[in-house]
Amino acid sequence: MMYGPLLKEARLKAGLSQEEMAEKLHLSRSNVSRLENNYLALKVRDLVDWFQVTGAPEIAAAIICGVDVAAVMQIISTVSTMVVWALTT
């Protein structure tokens, strides 16, 4: 499963750098990068912590339940665009 882009998207939406994320998760910055690029296996505990830190536990649940990550990312993007539009009109 390609979870890396979803991890990165959640981190960026939370306004966190890789360094900040690493500190909060007690990981190295390079391991955060490896997770985001699918070069390191994602442990369940890291998955749960990642989405608690970023405030998006529903995305972790989607990954665990086997929801298509690309579909989730598209939904997140669409909803974000709609929220911005609603707030600016």
PDB file of N, CA and C in Angstrom:
ATOM      1  N   MET A   1       0.852  -1.183   0.000  1.00  0.00           N
ATOM      2  CA  MET A   1       0.000   0.000   0.000  1.00  0.00           C
ATOM      3  C   MET A   1       0.894   1.241   0.000  1.00  0.00           C
ATOM      4  N   MET A   2       0.548   2.204  -0.812  1.00  0.00           N
ATOM      5  CA  MET A   2       1.316   3.443  -0.920  1.00  0.00           C
ATOM      6  C   MET A   2       0.746   4.483   0.057  1.00  0.00           C
ATOM      7  N   TYR A   3       1.232   4.454   1.267  1.00  0.00           N
ATOM      8  CA  TYR A   3       0.726   5.339   2.314  1.00  0.00           C
ATOM      9  C   TYR A   3       1.524   6.634   2.426  1.00  0.00           C
ATOM     10  N   GLY A   4       2.716   6.677   1.856  1.00  0.00           N
ATOM     11  CA  GLY A   4       3.609   7.816   2.018  1.00  0.00           C
ATOM     12  C   GLY A   4       3.016   9.163   1.640  1.00  0.00           C
ATOM     13  N   PRO A   5       2.427   9.289   0.452  1.00  0.00           N
ATOM     14  CA  PRO A   5       1.854  10.582   0.074  1.00  0.00           C
ATOM     15  C   PRO A   5       0.763  11.060   1.037  1.00  0.00           C
ATOM     16  N   LEU A   6       0.018  10.133   1.585  1.00  0.00           N
ATOM     17  CA  LEU A   6      -1.030  10.496   2.531  1.00  0.00           C
ATOM     18  C   LEU A   6      -0.428  10.997   3.846  1.00  0.00           C
ATOM     19  N   LEU A   7       0.655  10.361   4.277  1.00  0.00           N
ATOM     20  CA  LEU A   7       1.352  10.824   5.479  1.00  0.00           C
ATOM     21  C   LEU A   7       1.870  12.243   5.274  1.00  0.00           C
ATOM     22  N   LYS A   8       2.489  12.462   4.137  1.00  0.00           N
ATOM     23  CA  LYS A   8       3.044  13.784   3.837  1.00  0.00           C
ATOM     24  C   LYS A   8       1.943  14.832   3.769  1.00  0.00           C
ATOM     25  N   GLU A   9       0.852  14.495   3.091  1.00  0.00           N
ATOM     26  CA  GLU A   9      -0.277  15.427   2.961  1.00  0.00           C
ATOM     27  C   GLU A   9      -0.814  15.818   4.339  1.00  0.00           C
ATOM     28  N   ALA A  10      -0.969  14.842   5.215  1.00  0.00           N
ATOM     29  CA  ALA A  10      -1.478  15.117   6.564  1.00  0.00           C
ATOM     30  C   ALA A  10      -0.503  16.011   7.332  1.00  0.00           C
ATOM     31  N   ARG A  11       0.802  15.729   7.191  1.00  0.00           N
ATOM     32  CA  ARG A  11       1.811  16.536   7.890  1.00  0.00           C
ATOM     33  C   ARG A  11       1.789  17.975   7.396  1.00  0.00           C
ATOM     34  N   LEU A  12       1.744  18.147   6.081  1.00  0.00           N
ATOM     35  CA  LEU A  12       1.744  19.497   5.513  1.00  0.00           C
ATOM     36  C   LEU A  12       0.482  20.265   5.897  1.00  0.00           C
ATOM     37  N   LYS A  13      -0.665  19.597   5.872  1.00  0.00           N
ATOM     38  CA  LYS A  13      -1.914  20.255   6.258  1.00  0.00           C
ATOM     39  C   LYS A  13      -1.900  20.674   7.730  1.00  0.00           C
ATOM     40  N   ALA A  14      -1.132  19.937   8.540  1.00  0.00           N
ATOM     41  CA  ALA A  14      -0.994  20.290   9.955  1.00  0.00           C
ATOM     42  C   ALA A  14       0.038  21.401  10.153  1.00  0.00           C
ATOM     43  N   GLY A  15       0.713  21.799   9.061  1.00  0.00           N
ATOM     44  CA  GLY A  15       1.694  22.878   9.136  1.00  0.00           C
ATOM     45  C   GLY A  15       2.990  22.474   9.810  1.00  0.00           C
ATOM     46  N   LEU A  16       3.347  21.211   9.712  1.00  0.00           N
ATOM     47  CA  LEU A  16       4.547  20.714  10.376  1.00  0.00           C
ATOM     48  C   LEU A  16       5.646  20.411   9.369  1.00  0.00           C
ATOM     49  N   SER A  17       6.873  20.738   9.732  1.00  0.00           N
ATOM     50  CA  SER A  17       8.027  20.345   8.926  1.00  0.00           C
ATOM     51  C   SER A  17       8.372  18.898   9.259  1.00  0.00           C
ATOM     52  N   GLN A  18       9.234  18.302   8.463  1.00  0.00           N
ATOM     53  CA  GLN A  18       9.668  16.941   8.772  1.00  0.00           C
ATOM     54  C   GLN A  18      10.389  16.907  10.119  1.00  0.00           C
ATOM     55  N   GLU A  19      11.161  17.939  10.408  1.00  0.00           N
ATOM     56  CA  GLU A  19      11.875  18.004  11.678  1.00  0.00           C
ATOM     57  C   GLU A  19      10.910  18.063  12.864  1.00  0.00           C
ATOM     58  N   GLU A  20       9.870  18.897  12.741  1.00  0.00           N
ATOM     59  CA  GLU A  20       8.874  19.006  13.811  1.00  0.00           C
ATOM     60  C   GLU A  20       8.125  17.695  14.008  1.00  0.00           C
ATOM     61  N   MET A  21       7.790  17.060  12.891  1.00  0.00           N
ATOM     62  CA  MET A  21       7.087  15.782  12.963  1.00  0.00           C
ATOM     63  C   MET A  21       7.962  14.731  13.627  1.00  0.00           C
ATOM     64  N   ALA A  22       9.219  14.710  13.246  1.00  0.00           N
ATOM     65  CA  ALA A  22      10.151  13.742  13.823  1.00  0.00           C
ATOM     66  C   ALA A  22      10.251  13.918  15.336  1.00  0.00           C
ATOM     67  N   GLU A  23      10.324  15.154  15.771  1.00  0.00           N
ATOM     68  CA  GLU A  23      10.419  15.425  17.203  1.00  0.00           C
ATOM     69  C   GLU A  23       9.168  14.939  17.937  1.00  0.00           C
ATOM     70  N   LYS A  24       8.015  15.211  17.380  1.00  0.00           N
ATOM     71  CA  LYS A  24       6.762  14.814  18.031  1.00  0.00           C
ATOM     72  C   LYS A  24       6.582  13.293  18.080  1.00  0.00           C
ATOM     73  N   LEU A  25       7.126  12.603  17.087  1.00  0.00           N
ATOM     74  CA  LEU A  25       6.977  11.149  17.018  1.00  0.00           C
ATOM     75  C   LEU A  25       8.170  10.391  17.590  1.00  0.00           C
ATOM     76  N   HIS A  26       9.190  11.142  18.018  1.00  0.00           N
ATOM     77  CA  HIS A  26      10.415  10.534  18.537  1.00  0.00           C
ATOM     78  C   HIS A  26      11.083   9.652  17.475  1.00  0.00           C
ATOM     79  N   LEU A  27      11.119  10.188  16.260  1.00  0.00           N
ATOM     80  CA  LEU A  27      11.779   9.549  15.131  1.00  0.00           C
ATOM     81  C   LEU A  27      12.853  10.483  14.602  1.00  0.00           C
ATOM     82  N   SER A  28      13.729   9.968  13.764  1.00  0.00           N
ATOM     83  CA  SER A  28      14.687  10.845  13.087  1.00  0.00           C
ATOM     84  C   SER A  28      13.977  11.509  11.909  1.00  0.00           C
ATOM     85  N   ARG A  29      14.507  12.658  11.473  1.00  0.00           N
ATOM     86  CA  ARG A  29      13.934  13.327  10.311  1.00  0.00           C
ATOM     87  C   ARG A  29      14.051  12.432   9.081  1.00  0.00           C
ATOM     88  N   SER A  30      15.146  11.701   8.980  1.00  0.00           N
ATOM     89  CA  SER A  30      15.320  10.816   7.824  1.00  0.00           C
ATOM     90  C   SER A  30      14.280   9.698   7.825  1.00  0.00           C
ATOM     91  N   ASN A  31      13.883   9.209   8.994  1.00  0.00           N
ATOM     92  CA  ASN A  31      12.831   8.189   9.035  1.00  0.00           C
ATOM     93  C   ASN A  31      11.475   8.764   8.646  1.00  0.00           C
ATOM     94  N   VAL A  32      11.217  10.009   9.003  1.00  0.00           N
ATOM     95  CA  VAL A  32       9.978  10.657   8.554  1.00  0.00           C
ATOM     96  C   VAL A  32       9.981  10.727   7.030  1.00  0.00           C
ATOM     97  N   SER A  33      11.102  11.132   6.456  1.00  0.00           N
ATOM     98  CA  SER A  33      11.224  11.199   5.004  1.00  0.00           C
ATOM     99  C   SER A  33      11.044   9.826   4.383  1.00  0.00           C
ATOM    100  N   ARG A  34      11.656   8.815   4.956  1.00  0.00           N
ATOM    101  CA  ARG A  34      11.529   7.449   4.427  1.00  0.00           C
ATOM    102  C   ARG A  34      10.084   6.964   4.478  1.00  0.00           C
ATOM    103  N   LEU A  35       9.385   7.278   5.561  1.00  0.00           N
ATOM    104  CA  LEU A  35       7.969   6.896   5.648  1.00  0.00           C
ATOM    105  C   LEU A  35       7.155   7.588   4.563  1.00  0.00           C
ATOM    106  N   GLU A  36       7.410   8.882   4.373  1.00  0.00           N
ATOM    107  CA  GLU A  36       6.654   9.648   3.382  1.00  0.00           C
ATOM    108  C   GLU A  36       6.956   9.219   1.947  1.00  0.00           C
ATOM    109  N   ASN A  37       8.085   8.552   1.751  1.00  0.00           N
ATOM    110  CA  ASN A  37       8.465   8.097   0.410  1.00  0.00           C
ATOM    111  C   ASN A  37       8.351   6.582   0.248  1.00  0.00           C
ATOM    112  N   ASN A  38       7.684   5.940   1.203  1.00  0.00           N
ATOM    113  CA  ASN A  38       7.449   4.493   1.165  1.00  0.00           C
ATOM    114  C   ASN A  38       8.731   3.671   1.150  1.00  0.00           C
ATOM    115  N   TYR A  39       9.797   4.185   1.761  1.00  0.00           N
ATOM    116  CA  TYR A  39      11.051   3.437   1.861  1.00  0.00           C
ATOM    117  C   TYR A  39      11.199   2.758   3.216  1.00  0.00           C
ATOM    118  N   LEU A  40      10.262   2.991   4.113  1.00  0.00           N
ATOM    119  CA  LEU A  40      10.300   2.410   5.453  1.00  0.00           C
ATOM    120  C   LEU A  40       8.909   1.886   5.775  1.00  0.00           C
ATOM    121  N   ALA A  41       8.868   0.673   6.306  1.00  0.00           N
ATOM    122  CA  ALA A  41       7.572   0.076   6.654  1.00  0.00           C
ATOM    123  C   ALA A  41       6.918   0.879   7.777  1.00  0.00           C
ATOM    124  N   LEU A  42       5.633   1.100   7.638  1.00  0.00           N
ATOM    125  CA  LEU A  42       4.861   1.861   8.616  1.00  0.00           C
ATOM    126  C   LEU A  42       4.349   0.930   9.705  1.00  0.00           C
ATOM    127  N   LYS A  43       4.747   1.197  10.931  1.00  0.00           N
ATOM    128  CA  LYS A  43       4.262   0.420  12.073  1.00  0.00           C
ATOM    129  C   LYS A  43       2.913   0.982  12.504  1.00  0.00           C
ATOM    130  N   VAL A  44       2.069   0.111  13.028  1.00  0.00           N
ATOM    131  CA  VAL A  44       0.736   0.545  13.440  1.00  0.00           C
ATOM    132  C   VAL A  44       0.824   1.668  14.465  1.00  0.00           C
ATOM    133  N   ARG A  45       1.732   1.557  15.433  1.00  0.00           N
ATOM    134  CA  ARG A  45       1.865   2.592  16.460  1.00  0.00           C
ATOM    135  C   ARG A  45       2.251   3.930  15.822  1.00  0.00           C
ATOM    136  N   ASP A  46       3.167   3.916  14.839  1.00  0.00           N
ATOM    137  CA  ASP A  46       3.560   5.152  14.156  1.00  0.00           C
ATOM    138  C   ASP A  46       2.394   5.731  13.366  1.00  0.00           C
ATOM    139  N   LEU A  47       1.596   4.858  12.755  1.00  0.00           N
ATOM    140  CA  LEU A  47       0.416   5.307  12.011  1.00  0.00           C
ATOM    141  C   LEU A  47      -0.555   6.042  12.935  1.00  0.00           C
ATOM    142  N   VAL A  48      -0.851   5.437  14.061  1.00  0.00           N
ATOM    143  CA  VAL A  48      -1.783   6.046  15.017  1.00  0.00           C
ATOM    144  C   VAL A  48      -1.217   7.360  15.540  1.00  0.00           C
ATOM    145  N   ASP A  49       0.056   7.361  15.932  1.00  0.00           N
ATOM    146  CA  ASP A  49       0.683   8.581  16.446  1.00  0.00           C
ATOM    147  C   ASP A  49       0.705   9.687  15.395  1.00  0.00           C
ATOM    148  N   TRP A  50       1.037   9.308  14.146  1.00  0.00           N
ATOM    149  CA  TRP A  50       1.126  10.288  13.050  1.00  0.00           C
ATOM    150  C   TRP A  50      -0.186  11.048  12.910  1.00  0.00           C
ATOM    151  N   PHE A  51      -1.276  10.313  12.904  1.00  0.00           N
ATOM    152  CA  PHE A  51      -2.557  10.954  12.669  1.00  0.00           C
ATOM    153  C   PHE A  51      -3.154  11.591  13.911  1.00  0.00           C
ATOM    154  N   GLN A  52      -2.666  11.223  15.083  1.00  0.00           N
ATOM    155  CA  GLN A  52      -3.046  11.967  16.289  1.00  0.00           C
ATOM    156  C   GLN A  52      -2.327  13.314  16.296  1.00  0.00           C
ATOM    157  N   VAL A  53      -1.056  13.304  15.937  1.00  0.00           N
ATOM    158  CA  VAL A  53      -0.274  14.545  15.886  1.00  0.00           C
ATOM    159  C   VAL A  53      -0.833  15.493  14.837  1.00  0.00           C
ATOM    160  N   THR A  54      -1.233  14.964  13.687  1.00  0.00           N
ATOM    161  CA  THR A  54      -1.718  15.820  12.606  1.00  0.00           C
ATOM    162  C   THR A  54      -3.208  16.128  12.713  1.00  0.00           C
ATOM    163  N   GLY A  55      -3.878  15.511  13.667  1.00  0.00           N
ATOM    164  CA  GLY A  55      -5.307  15.776  13.847  1.00  0.00           C
ATOM    165  C   GLY A  55      -6.175  15.144  12.772  1.00  0.00           C
ATOM    166  N   ALA A  56      -5.740  13.995  12.244  1.00  0.00           N
ATOM    167  CA  ALA A  56      -6.503  13.345  11.191  1.00  0.00           C
ATOM    168  C   ALA A  56      -6.615  11.835  11.437  1.00  0.00           C
ATOM    169  N   PRO A  57      -7.174  11.424  12.577  1.00  0.00           N
ATOM    170  CA  PRO A  57      -7.261   9.983  12.852  1.00  0.00           C
ATOM    171  C   PRO A  57      -8.168   9.233  11.884  1.00  0.00           C
ATOM    172  N   GLU A  58      -9.086   9.926  11.240  1.00  0.00           N
ATOM    173  CA  GLU A  58      -9.962   9.255  10.285  1.00  0.00           C
ATOM    174  C   GLU A  58      -9.198   8.723   9.083  1.00  0.00           C
ATOM    175  N   ILE A  59      -8.090   9.376   8.746  1.00  0.00           N
ATOM    176  CA  ILE A  59      -7.278   8.900   7.623  1.00  0.00           C
ATOM    177  C   ILE A  59      -6.553   7.621   8.010  1.00  0.00           C
ATOM    178  N   ALA A  60      -6.088   7.544   9.254  1.00  0.00           N
ATOM    179  CA  ALA A  60      -5.462   6.305   9.733  1.00  0.00           C
ATOM    180  C   ALA A  60      -6.460   5.165   9.664  1.00  0.00           C
ATOM    181  N   ALA A  61      -7.681   5.433  10.057  1.00  0.00           N
ATOM    182  CA  ALA A  61      -8.713   4.404  10.001  1.00  0.00           C
ATOM    183  C   ALA A  61      -8.945   3.956   8.563  1.00  0.00           C
ATOM    184  N   ALA A  62      -8.913   4.888   7.632  1.00  0.00           N
ATOM    185  CA  ALA A  62      -9.096   4.543   6.221  1.00  0.00           C
ATOM    186  C   ALA A  62      -7.980   3.630   5.726  1.00  0.00           C
ATOM    187  N   ILE A  63      -6.745   3.925   6.129  1.00  0.00           N
ATOM    188  CA  ILE A  63      -5.613   3.089   5.721  1.00  0.00           C
ATOM    189  C   ILE A  63      -5.767   1.691   6.313  1.00  0.00           C
ATOM    190  N   ILE A  64      -6.091   1.628   7.592  1.00  0.00           N
ATOM    191  CA  ILE A  64      -6.250   0.337   8.258  1.00  0.00           C
ATOM    192  C   ILE A  64      -7.360  -0.482   7.615  1.00  0.00           C
ATOM    193  N   CYS A  65      -8.427   0.177   7.206  1.00  0.00           N
ATOM    194  CA  CYS A  65      -9.567  -0.525   6.594  1.00  0.00           C
ATOM    195  C   CYS A  65      -9.351  -0.831   5.118  1.00  0.00           C
ATOM    196  N   GLY A  66      -8.216  -0.396   4.576  1.00  0.00           N
ATOM    197  CA  GLY A  66      -7.895  -0.718   3.197  1.00  0.00           C
ATOM    198  C   GLY A  66      -8.524   0.189   2.159  1.00  0.00           C
ATOM    199  N   VAL A  67      -8.897   1.379   2.545  1.00  0.00           N
ATOM    200  CA  VAL A  67      -9.451   2.338   1.595  1.00  0.00           C
ATOM    201  C   VAL A  67      -8.332   2.788   0.655  1.00  0.00           C
ATOM    202  N   ASP A  68      -8.661   2.969  -0.596  1.00  0.00           N
ATOM    203  CA  ASP A  68      -7.698   3.417  -1.595  1.00  0.00           C
ATOM    204  C   ASP A  68      -7.137   4.781  -1.202  1.00  0.00           C
ATOM    205  N   VAL A  69      -5.822   4.820  -0.966  1.00  0.00           N
ATOM    206  CA  VAL A  69      -5.173   6.037  -0.500  1.00  0.00           C
ATOM    207  C   VAL A  69      -5.319   7.167  -1.504  1.00  0.00           C
ATOM    208  N   ALA A  70      -5.203   6.864  -2.780  1.00  0.00           N
ATOM    209  CA  ALA A  70      -5.350   7.904  -3.811  1.00  0.00           C
ATOM    210  C   ALA A  70      -6.741   8.517  -3.752  1.00  0.00           C
ATOM    211  N   ALA A  71      -7.746   7.686  -3.531  1.00  0.00           N
ATOM    212  CA  ALA A  71      -9.116   8.192  -3.432  1.00  0.00           C
ATOM    213  C   ALA A  71      -9.265   9.093  -2.216  1.00  0.00           C
ATOM    214  N   VAL A  72      -8.663   8.696  -1.105  1.00  0.00           N
ATOM    215  CA  VAL A  72      -8.726   9.510   0.112  1.00  0.00           C
ATOM    216  C   VAL A  72      -8.060  10.859  -0.119  1.00  0.00           C
ATOM    217  N   MET A  73      -6.894  10.847  -0.775  1.00  0.00           N
ATOM    218  CA  MET A  73      -6.193  12.107  -1.040  1.00  0.00           C
ATOM    219  C   MET A  73      -7.037  13.019  -1.926  1.00  0.00           C
ATOM    220  N   GLN A  74      -7.719  12.454  -2.913  1.00  0.00           N
ATOM    221  CA  GLN A  74      -8.567  13.258  -3.792  1.00  0.00           C
ATOM    222  C   GLN A  74      -9.727  13.860  -3.009  1.00  0.00           C
ATOM    223  N   ILE A  75     -10.312  13.088  -2.121  1.00  0.00           N
ATOM    224  CA  ILE A  75     -11.417  13.587  -1.299  1.00  0.00           C
ATOM    225  C   ILE A  75     -10.937  14.715  -0.400  1.00  0.00           C
ATOM    226  N   ILE A  76      -9.775  14.537   0.225  1.00  0.00           N
ATOM    227  CA  ILE A  76      -9.222  15.572   1.102  1.00  0.00           C
ATOM    228  C   ILE A  76      -9.000  16.862   0.318  1.00  0.00           C
ATOM    229  N   SER A  77      -8.435  16.729  -0.870  1.00  0.00           N
ATOM    230  CA  SER A  77      -8.174  17.904  -1.704  1.00  0.00           C
ATOM    231  C   SER A  77      -9.470  18.602  -2.084  1.00  0.00           C
ATOM    232  N   THR A  78     -10.466  17.837  -2.470  1.00  0.00           N
ATOM    233  CA  THR A  78     -11.753  18.405  -2.871  1.00  0.00           C
ATOM    234  C   THR A  78     -12.429  19.114  -1.705  1.00  0.00           C
ATOM    235  N   VAL A  79     -12.449  18.466  -0.556  1.00  0.00           N
ATOM    236  CA  VAL A  79     -13.075  19.067   0.628  1.00  0.00           C
ATOM    237  C   VAL A  79     -12.338  20.337   1.033  1.00  0.00           C
ATOM    238  N   SER A  80     -11.008  20.295   1.010  1.00  0.00           N
ATOM    239  CA  SER A  80     -10.229  21.485   1.361  1.00  0.00           C
ATOM    240  C   SER A  80     -10.555  22.654   0.441  1.00  0.00           C
ATOM    241  N   THR A  81     -10.652  22.378  -0.847  1.00  0.00           N
ATOM    242  CA  THR A  81     -10.994  23.418  -1.824  1.00  0.00           C
ATOM    243  C   THR A  81     -12.381  23.983  -1.546  1.00  0.00           C
ATOM    244  N   MET A  82     -13.318  23.108  -1.220  1.00  0.00           N
ATOM    245  CA  MET A  82     -14.684  23.550  -0.941  1.00  0.00           C
ATOM    246  C   MET A  82     -14.736  24.413   0.321  1.00  0.00           C
ATOM    247  N   VAL A  83     -13.971  24.045   1.326  1.00  0.00           N
ATOM    248  CA  VAL A  83     -13.952  24.815   2.572  1.00  0.00           C
ATOM    249  C   VAL A  83     -13.374  26.202   2.319  1.00  0.00           C
ATOM    250  N   VAL A  84     -12.269  26.257   1.593  1.00  0.00           N
ATOM    251  CA  VAL A  84     -11.661  27.558   1.273  1.00  0.00           C
ATOM    252  C   VAL A  84     -12.645  28.413   0.490  1.00  0.00           C
ATOM    253  N   TRP A  85     -13.300  27.828  -0.493  1.00  0.00           N
ATOM    254  CA  TRP A  85     -14.282  28.561  -1.289  1.00  0.00           C
ATOM    255  C   TRP A  85     -15.419  29.079  -0.404  1.00  0.00           C
ATOM    256  N   ALA A  86     -15.913  28.218   0.491  1.00  0.00           N
ATOM    257  CA  ALA A  86     -17.029  28.611   1.359  1.00  0.00           C
ATOM    258  C   ALA A  86     -16.630  29.735   2.312  1.00  0.00           C
ATOM    259  N   LEU A  87     -15.403  29.724   2.758  1.00  0.00           N
ATOM    260  CA  LEU A  87     -14.944  30.747   3.702  1.00  0.00           C
ATOM    261  C   LEU A  87     -14.639  32.079   3.028  1.00  0.00           C
ATOM    262  N   THR A  88     -14.390  32.052   1.737  1.00  0.00           N
ATOM    263  CA  THR A  88     -14.024  33.284   1.040  1.00  0.00           C
ATOM    264  C   THR A  88     -15.181  33.910   0.269  1.00  0.00           C
ATOM    265  N   THR A  89     -16.323  33.249   0.269  1.00  0.00           N
ATOM    266  CA  THR A  89     -17.458  33.831  -0.463  1.00  0.00           C
ATOM    267  C   THR A  89     -18.479  34.391   0.495  1.00  0.00           C
TER     268      THR A  89
END
